[in-house]
């Protein structure tokens, strides 16, 4: 019964071994010269100003999460569009319900000011 899992265990072990070998070879054979230029943070070719770990406003994260949420929900349109003719009126009604729920969430976030950027 557990024989089926041996291949998965071997694959995980080999992948882990290869990862450790790659990291070890990089540390062993990689360049080790330290310089002041290598120690400064690099930001898109611009000279950085201020500390590197600035606090980001919570609105940035809120908009990012909302974008991901609505983006993932839109992905469900493709499988529905592919089998639309097979689902007939039932599929149309179900997608209508899905879109209404999606729009309710969108309007709620909009009314709460989640999309406002100050």
PDB file of N, CA and C in Angstrom:
ATOM      1  N   UNK A   1       0.810  -1.191   0.000  1.00  0.00           N
ATOM      2  CA  UNK A   1       0.000   0.000   0.000  1.00  0.00           C
ATOM      3  C   UNK A   1       0.860   1.265   0.000  1.00  0.00           C
ATOM      4  N   UNK A   2       1.922   1.257   0.751  1.00  0.00           N
ATOM      5  CA  UNK A   2       2.795   2.419   0.793  1.00  0.00           C
ATOM      6  C   UNK A   2       3.820   2.418  -0.333  1.00  0.00           C
ATOM      7  N   UNK A   3       3.862   1.374  -1.126  1.00  0.00           N
ATOM      8  CA  UNK A   3       4.831   1.300  -2.218  1.00  0.00           C
ATOM      9  C   UNK A   3       4.600   2.390  -3.263  1.00  0.00           C
ATOM     10  N   UNK A   4       3.360   2.819  -3.420  1.00  0.00           N
ATOM     11  CA  UNK A   4       3.074   3.874  -4.390  1.00  0.00           C
ATOM     12  C   UNK A   4       3.719   5.199  -3.998  1.00  0.00           C
ATOM     13  N   UNK A   5       3.935   5.401  -2.734  1.00  0.00           N
ATOM     14  CA  UNK A   5       4.496   6.665  -2.244  1.00  0.00           C
ATOM     15  C   UNK A   5       6.012   6.689  -2.263  1.00  0.00           C
ATOM     16  N   UNK A   6       6.645   5.570  -2.530  1.00  0.00           N
ATOM     17  CA  UNK A   6       8.114   5.522  -2.543  1.00  0.00           C
ATOM     18  C   UNK A   6       8.658   6.410  -3.658  1.00  0.00           C
ATOM     19  N   UNK A   7       8.030   6.390  -4.826  1.00  0.00           N
ATOM     20  CA  UNK A   7       8.503   7.222  -5.937  1.00  0.00           C
ATOM     21  C   UNK A   7       8.422   8.702  -5.580  1.00  0.00           C
ATOM     22  N   UNK A   8       7.358   9.109  -4.909  1.00  0.00           N
ATOM     23  CA  UNK A   8       7.225  10.508  -4.504  1.00  0.00           C
ATOM     24  C   UNK A   8       8.297  10.868  -3.477  1.00  0.00           C
ATOM     25  N   UNK A   9       8.541   9.975  -2.529  1.00  0.00           N
ATOM     26  CA  UNK A   9       9.574  10.218  -1.525  1.00  0.00           C
ATOM     27  C   UNK A   9      10.957  10.318  -2.141  1.00  0.00           C
ATOM     28  N   UNK A  10      11.255   9.434  -3.103  1.00  0.00           N
ATOM     29  CA  UNK A  10      12.546   9.480  -3.784  1.00  0.00           C
ATOM     30  C   UNK A  10      12.679  10.780  -4.569  1.00  0.00           C
ATOM     31  N   UNK A  11      11.610  11.203  -5.240  1.00  0.00           N
ATOM     32  CA  UNK A  11      11.651  12.445  -6.013  1.00  0.00           C
ATOM     33  C   UNK A  11      11.897  13.653  -5.103  1.00  0.00           C
ATOM     34  N   UNK A  12      11.241  13.691  -3.953  1.00  0.00           N
ATOM     35  CA  UNK A  12      11.447  14.791  -3.006  1.00  0.00           C
ATOM     36  C   UNK A  12      12.873  14.776  -2.475  1.00  0.00           C
ATOM     37  N   UNK A  13      13.389  13.589  -2.172  1.00  0.00           N
ATOM     38  CA  UNK A  13      14.756  13.469  -1.659  1.00  0.00           C
ATOM     39  C   UNK A  13      15.769  13.921  -2.703  1.00  0.00           C
ATOM     40  N   UNK A  14      15.588  13.511  -3.953  1.00  0.00           N
ATOM     41  CA  UNK A  14      16.513  13.903  -5.019  1.00  0.00           C
ATOM     42  C   UNK A  14      16.436  15.412  -5.256  1.00  0.00           C
ATOM     43  N   UNK A  15      15.242  15.981  -5.258  1.00  0.00           N
ATOM     44  CA  UNK A  15      15.103  17.422  -5.456  1.00  0.00           C
ATOM     45  C   UNK A  15      15.768  18.199  -4.326  1.00  0.00           C
ATOM     46  N   UNK A  16      15.601  17.730  -3.100  1.00  0.00           N
ATOM     47  CA  UNK A  16      16.242  18.378  -1.957  1.00  0.00           C
ATOM     48  C   UNK A  16      17.749  18.280  -2.055  1.00  0.00           C
ATOM     49  N   UNK A  17      18.248  17.119  -2.443  1.00  0.00           N
ATOM     50  CA  UNK A  17      19.693  16.921  -2.592  1.00  0.00           C
ATOM     51  C   UNK A  17      20.249  17.835  -3.675  1.00  0.00           C
ATOM     52  N   UNK A  18      19.572  17.927  -4.803  1.00  0.00           N
ATOM     53  CA  UNK A  18      20.039  18.798  -5.885  1.00  0.00           C
ATOM     54  C   UNK A  18      20.036  20.262  -5.433  1.00  0.00           C
ATOM     55  N   UNK A  19      19.025  20.675  -4.672  1.00  0.00           N
ATOM     56  CA  UNK A  19      18.971  22.054  -4.181  1.00  0.00           C
ATOM     57  C   UNK A  19      20.147  22.346  -3.252  1.00  0.00           C
ATOM     58  N   UNK A  20      20.425  21.415  -2.329  1.00  0.00           N
ATOM     59  CA  UNK A  20      21.552  21.625  -1.417  1.00  0.00           C
ATOM     60  C   UNK A  20      22.883  21.622  -2.163  1.00  0.00           C
ATOM     61  N   UNK A  21      23.018  20.776  -3.160  1.00  0.00           N
ATOM     62  CA  UNK A  21      24.251  20.751  -3.951  1.00  0.00           C
ATOM     63  C   UNK A  21      24.424  22.065  -4.700  1.00  0.00           C
ATOM     64  N   UNK A  22      23.341  22.585  -5.311  1.00  0.00           N
ATOM     65  CA  UNK A  22      23.432  23.846  -6.053  1.00  0.00           C
ATOM     66  C   UNK A  22      23.808  25.003  -5.133  1.00  0.00           C
ATOM     67  N   UNK A  23      23.197  25.058  -3.960  1.00  0.00           N
ATOM     68  CA  UNK A  23      23.518  26.137  -3.017  1.00  0.00           C
ATOM     69  C   UNK A  23      24.947  25.987  -2.509  1.00  0.00           C
ATOM     70  N   UNK A  24      25.341  24.768  -2.210  1.00  0.00           N
ATOM     71  CA  UNK A  24      26.700  24.524  -1.731  1.00  0.00           C
ATOM     72  C   UNK A  24      27.749  24.872  -2.766  1.00  0.00           C
ATOM     73  N   UNK A  25      27.515  24.503  -4.025  1.00  0.00           N
ATOM     74  CA  UNK A  25      28.474  24.843  -5.079  1.00  0.00           C
ATOM     75  C   UNK A  25      28.545  26.353  -5.292  1.00  0.00           C
ATOM     76  N   UNK A  26      27.419  27.028  -5.171  1.00  0.00           N
ATOM     77  CA  UNK A  26      27.440  28.485  -5.295  1.00  0.00           C
ATOM     78  C   UNK A  26      28.256  29.139  -4.196  1.00  0.00           C
ATOM     79  N   UNK A  27      28.113  28.638  -2.985  1.00  0.00           N
ATOM     80  CA  UNK A  27      28.898  29.173  -1.862  1.00  0.00           C
ATOM     81  C   UNK A  27      30.376  28.818  -1.992  1.00  0.00           C
ATOM     82  N   UNK A  28      30.652  27.624  -2.461  1.00  0.00           N
ATOM     83  CA  UNK A  28      32.034  27.150  -2.552  1.00  0.00           C
ATOM     84  C   UNK A  28      32.776  27.800  -3.707  1.00  0.00           C
ATOM     85  N   UNK A  29      32.161  27.897  -4.860  1.00  0.00           N
ATOM     86  CA  UNK A  29      32.839  28.377  -6.053  1.00  0.00           C
ATOM     87  C   UNK A  29      32.542  29.827  -6.404  1.00  0.00           C
ATOM     88  N   UNK A  30      31.584  30.449  -5.749  1.00  0.00           N
ATOM     89  CA  UNK A  30      31.191  31.813  -6.086  1.00  0.00           C
ATOM     90  C   UNK A  30      32.204  32.849  -5.639  1.00  0.00           C
ATOM     91  N   UNK A  31      32.111  34.068  -6.210  1.00  0.00           N
ATOM     92  CA  UNK A  31      33.032  35.138  -5.813  1.00  0.00           C
ATOM     93  C   UNK A  31      32.777  35.574  -4.377  1.00  0.00           C
ATOM     94  N   UNK A  32      33.868  35.927  -3.704  1.00  0.00           N
ATOM     95  CA  UNK A  32      33.749  36.270  -2.296  1.00  0.00           C
ATOM     96  C   UNK A  32      34.302  37.651  -1.969  1.00  0.00           C
ATOM     97  N   UNK A  33      34.649  38.457  -2.970  1.00  0.00           N
ATOM     98  CA  UNK A  33      35.189  39.787  -2.716  1.00  0.00           C
ATOM     99  C   UNK A  33      34.079  40.712  -2.248  1.00  0.00           C
ATOM    100  N   UNK A  34      34.271  41.340  -1.120  1.00  0.00           N
ATOM    101  CA  UNK A  34      33.325  42.317  -0.593  1.00  0.00           C
ATOM    102  C   UNK A  34      33.777  43.707  -1.021  1.00  0.00           C
ATOM    103  N   UNK A  35      32.812  44.550  -1.346  1.00  0.00           N
ATOM    104  CA  UNK A  35      33.132  45.937  -1.674  1.00  0.00           C
ATOM    105  C   UNK A  35      31.962  46.807  -1.233  1.00  0.00           C
ATOM    106  N   UNK A  36      32.234  48.083  -1.135  1.00  0.00           N
ATOM    107  CA  UNK A  36      31.193  49.012  -0.702  1.00  0.00           C
ATOM    108  C   UNK A  36      30.079  49.098  -1.745  1.00  0.00           C
ATOM    109  N   UNK A  37      30.436  48.982  -3.016  1.00  0.00           N
ATOM    110  CA  UNK A  37      29.429  49.071  -4.079  1.00  0.00           C
ATOM    111  C   UNK A  37      28.479  47.876  -4.050  1.00  0.00           C
ATOM    112  N   UNK A  38      28.987  46.713  -3.670  1.00  0.00           N
ATOM    113  CA  UNK A  38      28.135  45.525  -3.619  1.00  0.00           C
ATOM    114  C   UNK A  38      27.203  45.530  -2.419  1.00  0.00           C
ATOM    115  N   UNK A  39      27.559  46.268  -1.391  1.00  0.00           N
ATOM    116  CA  UNK A  39      26.763  46.269  -0.166  1.00  0.00           C
ATOM    117  C   UNK A  39      25.602  47.262  -0.189  1.00  0.00           C
ATOM    118  N   UNK A  40      25.585  48.201  -1.149  1.00  0.00           N
ATOM    119  CA  UNK A  40      24.469  49.141  -1.183  1.00  0.00           C
ATOM    120  C   UNK A  40      23.279  48.499  -1.890  1.00  0.00           C
ATOM    121  N   UNK A  41      22.072  48.853  -1.468  1.00  0.00           N
ATOM    122  CA  UNK A  41      20.902  48.296  -2.145  1.00  0.00           C
ATOM    123  C   UNK A  41      20.758  48.879  -3.555  1.00  0.00           C
ATOM    124  N   UNK A  42      20.233  48.077  -4.451  1.00  0.00           N
ATOM    125  CA  UNK A  42      20.046  48.486  -5.841  1.00  0.00           C
ATOM    126  C   UNK A  42      18.560  48.596  -6.121  1.00  0.00           C
ATOM    127  N   UNK A  43      18.145  49.744  -6.629  1.00  0.00           N
ATOM    128  CA  UNK A  43      16.726  49.943  -6.891  1.00  0.00           C
ATOM    129  C   UNK A  43      16.543  50.524  -8.286  1.00  0.00           C
ATOM    130  N   UNK A  44      16.401  49.690  -9.260  1.00  0.00           N
ATOM    131  CA  UNK A  44      16.083  50.084 -10.639  1.00  0.00           C
ATOM    132  C   UNK A  44      17.068  51.104 -11.199  1.00  0.00           C
ATOM    133  N   UNK A  45      18.315  50.991 -10.867  1.00  0.00           N
ATOM    134  CA  UNK A  45      19.322  51.891 -11.399  1.00  0.00           C
ATOM    135  C   UNK A  45      19.361  53.249 -10.749  1.00  0.00           C
ATOM    136  N   UNK A  46      18.527  53.472  -9.743  1.00  0.00           N
ATOM    137  CA  UNK A  46      18.485  54.769  -9.080  1.00  0.00           C
ATOM    138  C   UNK A  46      19.209  54.679  -7.741  1.00  0.00           C
ATOM    139  N   UNK A  47      19.772  55.774  -7.335  1.00  0.00           N
ATOM    140  CA  UNK A  47      20.422  55.822  -6.036  1.00  0.00           C
ATOM    141  C   UNK A  47      19.334  55.778  -4.965  1.00  0.00           C
ATOM    142  N   UNK A  48      19.400  54.813  -4.056  1.00  0.00           N
ATOM    143  CA  UNK A  48      18.350  54.714  -3.042  1.00  0.00           C
ATOM    144  C   UNK A  48      18.439  55.848  -2.031  1.00  0.00           C
ATOM    145  N   UNK A  49      17.297  56.228  -1.507  1.00  0.00           N
ATOM    146  CA  UNK A  49      17.265  57.248  -0.463  1.00  0.00           C
ATOM    147  C   UNK A  49      16.408  56.721   0.679  1.00  0.00           C
ATOM    148  N   UNK A  50      16.734  57.109   1.864  1.00  0.00           N
ATOM    149  CA  UNK A  50      15.999  56.645   3.038  1.00  0.00           C
ATOM    150  C   UNK A  50      16.380  55.214   3.393  1.00  0.00           C
ATOM    151  N   UNK A  51      15.689  54.695   4.385  1.00  0.00           N
ATOM    152  CA  UNK A  51      15.972  53.326   4.794  1.00  0.00           C
ATOM    153  C   UNK A  51      15.320  52.349   3.813  1.00  0.00           C
ATOM    154  N   UNK A  52      15.860  51.165   3.724  1.00  0.00           N
ATOM    155  CA  UNK A  52      15.375  50.184   2.762  1.00  0.00           C
ATOM    156  C   UNK A  52      14.073  49.528   3.156  1.00  0.00           C
ATOM    157  N   UNK A  53      13.723  49.568   4.415  1.00  0.00           N
ATOM    158  CA  UNK A  53      12.497  48.906   4.877  1.00  0.00           C
ATOM    159  C   UNK A  53      11.478  49.941   5.307  1.00  0.00           C
ATOM    160  N   UNK A  54      10.988  50.713   4.327  1.00  0.00           N
ATOM    161  CA  UNK A  54       9.959  51.705   4.628  1.00  0.00           C
ATOM    162  C   UNK A  54       8.620  51.020   4.833  1.00  0.00           C
ATOM    163  N   UNK A  55       7.795  51.623   5.638  1.00  0.00           N
ATOM    164  CA  UNK A  55       6.441  51.095   5.835  1.00  0.00           C
ATOM    165  C   UNK A  55       5.585  51.484   4.642  1.00  0.00           C
ATOM    166  N   UNK A  56       4.823  50.515   4.166  1.00  0.00           N
ATOM    167  CA  UNK A  56       3.913  50.768   3.049  1.00  0.00           C
ATOM    168  C   UNK A  56       2.526  51.037   3.623  1.00  0.00           C
ATOM    169  N   UNK A  57       1.777  51.923   2.992  1.00  0.00           N
ATOM    170  CA  UNK A  57       0.415  52.169   3.474  1.00  0.00           C
ATOM    171  C   UNK A  57      -0.461  50.924   3.292  1.00  0.00           C
ATOM    172  N   UNK A  58      -1.404  50.747   4.192  1.00  0.00           N
ATOM    173  CA  UNK A  58      -2.272  49.576   4.151  1.00  0.00           C
ATOM    174  C   UNK A  58      -3.138  49.593   2.903  1.00  0.00           C
ATOM    175  N   UNK A  59      -3.405  50.752   2.339  1.00  0.00           N
ATOM    176  CA  UNK A  59      -4.208  50.842   1.117  1.00  0.00           C
ATOM    177  C   UNK A  59      -3.543  50.098  -0.042  1.00  0.00           C
ATOM    178  N   UNK A  60      -2.211  50.121  -0.082  1.00  0.00           N
ATOM    179  CA  UNK A  60      -1.494  49.408  -1.138  1.00  0.00           C
ATOM    180  C   UNK A  60      -1.810  47.921  -1.070  1.00  0.00           C
ATOM    181  N   UNK A  61      -1.741  47.343   0.109  1.00  0.00           N
ATOM    182  CA  UNK A  61      -2.019  45.918   0.270  1.00  0.00           C
ATOM    183  C   UNK A  61      -3.492  45.606   0.010  1.00  0.00           C
ATOM    184  N   UNK A  62      -4.377  46.492   0.439  1.00  0.00           N
ATOM    185  CA  UNK A  62      -5.803  46.281   0.230  1.00  0.00           C
ATOM    186  C   UNK A  62      -6.137  46.246  -1.259  1.00  0.00           C
ATOM    187  N   UNK A  63      -5.606  47.185  -2.012  1.00  0.00           N
ATOM    188  CA  UNK A  63      -5.864  47.209  -3.452  1.00  0.00           C
ATOM    189  C   UNK A  63      -5.226  46.001  -4.122  1.00  0.00           C
ATOM    190  N   UNK A  64      -4.057  45.596  -3.684  1.00  0.00           N
ATOM    191  CA  UNK A  64      -3.408  44.419  -4.265  1.00  0.00           C
ATOM    192  C   UNK A  64      -4.230  43.163  -4.012  1.00  0.00           C
ATOM    193  N   UNK A  65      -4.738  42.998  -2.804  1.00  0.00           N
ATOM    194  CA  UNK A  65      -5.551  41.820  -2.482  1.00  0.00           C
ATOM    195  C   UNK A  65      -6.857  41.842  -3.261  1.00  0.00           C
ATOM    196  N   UNK A  66      -7.486  43.007  -3.378  1.00  0.00           N
ATOM    197  CA  UNK A  66      -8.717  43.110  -4.153  1.00  0.00           C
ATOM    198  C   UNK A  66      -8.473  42.805  -5.623  1.00  0.00           C
ATOM    199  N   UNK A  67      -7.354  43.264  -6.154  1.00  0.00           N
ATOM    200  CA  UNK A  67      -7.033  42.958  -7.542  1.00  0.00           C
ATOM    201  C   UNK A  67      -6.878  41.456  -7.743  1.00  0.00           C
ATOM    202  N   UNK A  68      -6.147  40.814  -6.864  1.00  0.00           N
ATOM    203  CA  UNK A  68      -5.954  39.365  -6.979  1.00  0.00           C
ATOM    204  C   UNK A  68      -7.284  38.640  -6.834  1.00  0.00           C
ATOM    205  N   UNK A  69      -8.099  39.066  -5.885  1.00  0.00           N
ATOM    206  CA  UNK A  69      -9.390  38.422  -5.663  1.00  0.00           C
ATOM    207  C   UNK A  69     -10.277  38.511  -6.906  1.00  0.00           C
ATOM    208  N   UNK A  70     -10.444  39.700  -7.450  1.00  0.00           N
ATOM    209  CA  UNK A  70     -11.302  39.852  -8.619  1.00  0.00           C
ATOM    210  C   UNK A  70     -10.668  39.237  -9.860  1.00  0.00           C
ATOM    211  N   UNK A  71      -9.359  39.246  -9.943  1.00  0.00           N
ATOM    212  CA  UNK A  71      -8.672  38.639 -11.076  1.00  0.00           C
ATOM    213  C   UNK A  71      -8.881  37.125 -11.086  1.00  0.00           C
ATOM    214  N   UNK A  72      -8.779  36.500  -9.936  1.00  0.00           N
ATOM    215  CA  UNK A  72      -8.989  35.055  -9.844  1.00  0.00           C
ATOM    216  C   UNK A  72     -10.437  34.702 -10.147  1.00  0.00           C
ATOM    217  N   UNK A  73     -11.358  35.517  -9.717  1.00  0.00           N
ATOM    218  CA  UNK A  73     -12.765  35.230  -9.999  1.00  0.00           C
ATOM    219  C   UNK A  73     -13.060  35.333 -11.487  1.00  0.00           C
ATOM    220  N   UNK A  74     -12.396  36.233 -12.189  1.00  0.00           N
ATOM    221  CA  UNK A  74     -12.616  36.372 -13.625  1.00  0.00           C
ATOM    222  C   UNK A  74     -12.088  35.154 -14.377  1.00  0.00           C
ATOM    223  N   UNK A  75     -11.124  34.452 -13.816  1.00  0.00           N
ATOM    224  CA  UNK A  75     -10.587  33.249 -14.453  1.00  0.00           C
ATOM    225  C   UNK A  75     -11.679  32.200 -14.651  1.00  0.00           C
ATOM    226  N   UNK A  76     -12.703  32.217 -13.819  1.00  0.00           N
ATOM    227  CA  UNK A  76     -13.779  31.234 -13.937  1.00  0.00           C
ATOM    228  C   UNK A  76     -14.636  31.447 -15.181  1.00  0.00           C
ATOM    229  N   UNK A  77     -14.480  32.571 -15.856  1.00  0.00           N
ATOM    230  CA  UNK A  77     -15.257  32.797 -17.075  1.00  0.00           C
ATOM    231  C   UNK A  77     -14.798  31.909 -18.228  1.00  0.00           C
ATOM    232  N   UNK A  78     -13.522  31.578 -18.307  1.00  0.00           N
ATOM    233  CA  UNK A  78     -13.021  30.798 -19.438  1.00  0.00           C
ATOM    234  C   UNK A  78     -13.618  29.394 -19.493  1.00  0.00           C
ATOM    235  N   UNK A  79     -13.570  28.598 -18.411  1.00  0.00           N
ATOM    236  CA  UNK A  79     -14.184  27.270 -18.514  1.00  0.00           C
ATOM    237  C   UNK A  79     -15.681  27.350 -18.805  1.00  0.00           C
ATOM    238  N   UNK A  80     -16.343  28.350 -18.267  1.00  0.00           N
ATOM    239  CA  UNK A  80     -17.767  28.515 -18.531  1.00  0.00           C
ATOM    240  C   UNK A  80     -18.007  28.819 -20.009  1.00  0.00           C
ATOM    241  N   UNK A  81     -17.172  29.665 -20.590  1.00  0.00           N
ATOM    242  CA  UNK A  81     -17.342  30.021 -21.996  1.00  0.00           C
ATOM    243  C   UNK A  81     -17.083  28.827 -22.907  1.00  0.00           C
ATOM    244  N   UNK A  82     -16.182  27.947 -22.492  1.00  0.00           N
ATOM    245  CA  UNK A  82     -15.865  26.777 -23.315  1.00  0.00           C
ATOM    246  C   UNK A  82     -17.043  25.802 -23.363  1.00  0.00           C
ATOM    247  N   UNK A  83     -17.721  25.591 -22.263  1.00  0.00           N
ATOM    248  CA  UNK A  83     -18.825  24.621 -22.215  1.00  0.00           C
ATOM    249  C   UNK A  83     -20.189  25.319 -22.191  1.00  0.00           C
ATOM    250  N   UNK A  84     -20.244  26.544 -22.654  1.00  0.00           N
ATOM    251  CA  UNK A  84     -21.483  27.327 -22.596  1.00  0.00           C
ATOM    252  C   UNK A  84     -22.639  26.644 -23.327  1.00  0.00           C
ATOM    253  N   UNK A  85     -22.397  26.123 -24.515  1.00  0.00           N
ATOM    254  CA  UNK A  85     -23.469  25.504 -25.298  1.00  0.00           C
ATOM    255  C   UNK A  85     -23.984  24.218 -24.653  1.00  0.00           C
ATOM    256  N   UNK A  86     -23.144  23.525 -23.910  1.00  0.00           N
ATOM    257  CA  UNK A  86     -23.575  22.290 -23.255  1.00  0.00           C
ATOM    258  C   UNK A  86     -24.404  22.580 -22.005  1.00  0.00           C
ATOM    259  N   UNK A  87     -24.120  23.689 -21.344  1.00  0.00           N
ATOM    260  CA  UNK A  87     -24.817  24.006 -20.099  1.00  0.00           C
ATOM    261  C   UNK A  87     -26.200  24.607 -20.346  1.00  0.00           C
ATOM    262  N   UNK A  88     -26.380  25.212 -21.493  1.00  0.00           N
ATOM    263  CA  UNK A  88     -27.657  25.812 -21.904  1.00  0.00           C
ATOM    264  C   UNK A  88     -28.126  26.868 -20.905  1.00  0.00           C
ATOM    265  N   UNK A  89     -29.380  26.903 -20.615  1.00  0.00           N
ATOM    266  CA  UNK A  89     -29.966  27.970 -19.787  1.00  0.00           C
ATOM    267  C   UNK A  89     -29.511  27.855 -18.331  1.00  0.00           C
ATOM    268  N   UNK A  90     -29.284  26.624 -17.846  1.00  0.00           N
ATOM    269  CA  UNK A  90     -28.817  26.436 -16.474  1.00  0.00           C
ATOM    270  C   UNK A  90     -27.462  27.115 -16.269  1.00  0.00           C
ATOM    271  N   UNK A  91     -26.552  26.919 -17.219  1.00  0.00           N
ATOM    272  CA  UNK A  91     -25.233  27.549 -17.125  1.00  0.00           C
ATOM    273  C   UNK A  91     -25.310  29.060 -17.190  1.00  0.00           C
ATOM    274  N   UNK A  92     -26.221  29.571 -18.000  1.00  0.00           N
ATOM    275  CA  UNK A  92     -26.395  31.018 -18.105  1.00  0.00           C
ATOM    276  C   UNK A  92     -26.901  31.604 -16.792  1.00  0.00           C
ATOM    277  N   UNK A  93     -27.861  30.930 -16.173  1.00  0.00           N
ATOM    278  CA  UNK A  93     -28.396  31.400 -14.894  1.00  0.00           C
ATOM    279  C   UNK A  93     -27.331  31.338 -13.803  1.00  0.00           C
ATOM    280  N   UNK A  94     -26.583  30.250 -13.768  1.00  0.00           N
ATOM    281  CA  UNK A  94     -25.539  30.116 -12.747  1.00  0.00           C
ATOM    282  C   UNK A  94     -24.462  31.179 -12.910  1.00  0.00           C
ATOM    283  N   UNK A  95     -24.069  31.467 -14.142  1.00  0.00           N
ATOM    284  CA  UNK A  95     -23.054  32.502 -14.353  1.00  0.00           C
ATOM    285  C   UNK A  95     -23.632  33.872 -14.029  1.00  0.00           C
ATOM    286  N   UNK A  96     -24.924  34.066 -14.279  1.00  0.00           N
ATOM    287  CA  UNK A  96     -25.557  35.319 -13.883  1.00  0.00           C
ATOM    288  C   UNK A  96     -25.517  35.518 -12.380  1.00  0.00           C
ATOM    289  N   UNK A  97     -25.795  34.454 -11.627  1.00  0.00           N
ATOM    290  CA  UNK A  97     -25.721  34.518 -10.162  1.00  0.00           C
ATOM    291  C   UNK A  97     -24.290  34.824  -9.724  1.00  0.00           C
ATOM    292  N   UNK A  98     -23.317  34.173 -10.371  1.00  0.00           N
ATOM    293  CA  UNK A  98     -21.907  34.401 -10.043  1.00  0.00           C
ATOM    294  C   UNK A  98     -21.525  35.856 -10.300  1.00  0.00           C
ATOM    295  N   UNK A  99     -21.958  36.402 -11.425  1.00  0.00           N
ATOM    296  CA  UNK A  99     -21.622  37.786 -11.762  1.00  0.00           C
ATOM    297  C   UNK A  99     -22.300  38.753 -10.788  1.00  0.00           C
ATOM    298  N   UNK A 100     -23.531  38.471 -10.391  1.00  0.00           N
ATOM    299  CA  UNK A 100     -24.218  39.333  -9.423  1.00  0.00           C
ATOM    300  C   UNK A 100     -23.472  39.335  -8.091  1.00  0.00           C
ATOM    301  N   UNK A 101     -23.056  38.161  -7.625  1.00  0.00           N
ATOM    302  CA  UNK A 101     -22.291  38.087  -6.365  1.00  0.00           C
ATOM    303  C   UNK A 101     -20.976  38.851  -6.500  1.00  0.00           C
ATOM    304  N   UNK A 102     -20.318  38.707  -7.648  1.00  0.00           N
ATOM    305  CA  UNK A 102     -19.067  39.421  -7.895  1.00  0.00           C
ATOM    306  C   UNK A 102     -19.296  40.931  -7.903  1.00  0.00           C
ATOM    307  N   UNK A 103     -20.358  41.375  -8.531  1.00  0.00           N
ATOM    308  CA  UNK A 103     -20.660  42.805  -8.575  1.00  0.00           C
ATOM    309  C   UNK A 103     -21.038  43.360  -7.204  1.00  0.00           C
ATOM    310  N   UNK A 104     -21.735  42.571  -6.397  1.00  0.00           N
ATOM    311  CA  UNK A 104     -22.063  43.017  -5.033  1.00  0.00           C
ATOM    312  C   UNK A 104     -20.781  43.262  -4.238  1.00  0.00           C
ATOM    313  N   UNK A 105     -19.828  42.338  -4.349  1.00  0.00           N
ATOM    314  CA  UNK A 105     -18.545  42.523  -3.667  1.00  0.00           C
ATOM    315  C   UNK A 105     -17.785  43.722  -4.194  1.00  0.00           C
ATOM    316  N   UNK A 106     -17.812  43.925  -5.491  1.00  0.00           N
ATOM    317  CA  UNK A 106     -17.131  45.061  -6.103  1.00  0.00           C
ATOM    318  C   UNK A 106     -17.748  46.379  -5.656  1.00  0.00           C
ATOM    319  N   UNK A 107     -19.070  46.468  -5.679  1.00  0.00           N
ATOM    320  CA  UNK A 107     -19.755  47.697  -5.257  1.00  0.00           C
ATOM    321  C   UNK A 107     -19.521  47.959  -3.768  1.00  0.00           C
ATOM    322  N   UNK A 108     -19.522  46.902  -2.960  1.00  0.00           N
ATOM    323  CA  UNK A 108     -19.266  47.061  -1.527  1.00  0.00           C
ATOM    324  C   UNK A 108     -17.865  47.639  -1.294  1.00  0.00           C
ATOM    325  N   UNK A 109     -16.863  47.082  -1.988  1.00  0.00           N
ATOM    326  CA  UNK A 109     -15.503  47.601  -1.836  1.00  0.00           C
ATOM    327  C   UNK A 109     -15.417  49.038  -2.337  1.00  0.00           C
ATOM    328  N   UNK A 110     -16.122  49.352  -3.398  1.00  0.00           N
ATOM    329  CA  UNK A 110     -16.120  50.693  -3.947  1.00  0.00           C
ATOM    330  C   UNK A 110     -16.762  51.681  -2.972  1.00  0.00           C
ATOM    331  N   UNK A 111     -17.900  51.314  -2.405  1.00  0.00           N
ATOM    332  CA  UNK A 111     -18.599  52.203  -1.467  1.00  0.00           C
ATOM    333  C   UNK A 111     -17.797  52.411  -0.181  1.00  0.00           C
ATOM    334  N   UNK A 112     -17.041  51.413   0.224  1.00  0.00           N
ATOM    335  CA  UNK A 112     -16.207  51.551   1.426  1.00  0.00           C
ATOM    336  C   UNK A 112     -14.954  52.376   1.170  1.00  0.00           C
ATOM    337  N   UNK A 113     -14.699  52.728  -0.104  1.00  0.00           N
ATOM    338  CA  UNK A 113     -13.537  53.548  -0.432  1.00  0.00           C
ATOM    339  C   UNK A 113     -12.264  52.749  -0.579  1.00  0.00           C
ATOM    340  N   UNK A 114     -12.375  51.463  -0.866  1.00  0.00           N
ATOM    341  CA  UNK A 114     -11.182  50.623  -0.973  1.00  0.00           C
ATOM    342  C   UNK A 114     -10.360  50.964  -2.197  1.00  0.00           C
ATOM    343  N   UNK A 115     -10.966  51.572  -3.209  1.00  0.00           N
ATOM    344  CA  UNK A 115     -10.246  51.890  -4.437  1.00  0.00           C
ATOM    345  C   UNK A 115      -9.713  53.316  -4.457  1.00  0.00           C
ATOM    346  N   UNK A 116      -9.941  54.064  -3.406  1.00  0.00           N
ATOM    347  CA  UNK A 116      -9.449  55.433  -3.337  1.00  0.00           C
ATOM    348  C   UNK A 116      -7.976  55.425  -2.962  1.00  0.00           C
ATOM    349  N   UNK A 117      -7.198  56.193  -3.696  1.00  0.00           N
ATOM    350  CA  UNK A 117      -5.768  56.277  -3.430  1.00  0.00           C
ATOM    351  C   UNK A 117      -5.456  57.699  -3.002  1.00  0.00           C
ATOM    352  N   UNK A 118      -4.914  57.847  -1.804  1.00  0.00           N
ATOM    353  CA  UNK A 118      -4.655  59.189  -1.254  1.00  0.00           C
ATOM    354  C   UNK A 118      -3.214  59.577  -1.451  1.00  0.00           C
TER     355      UNK A 118
END
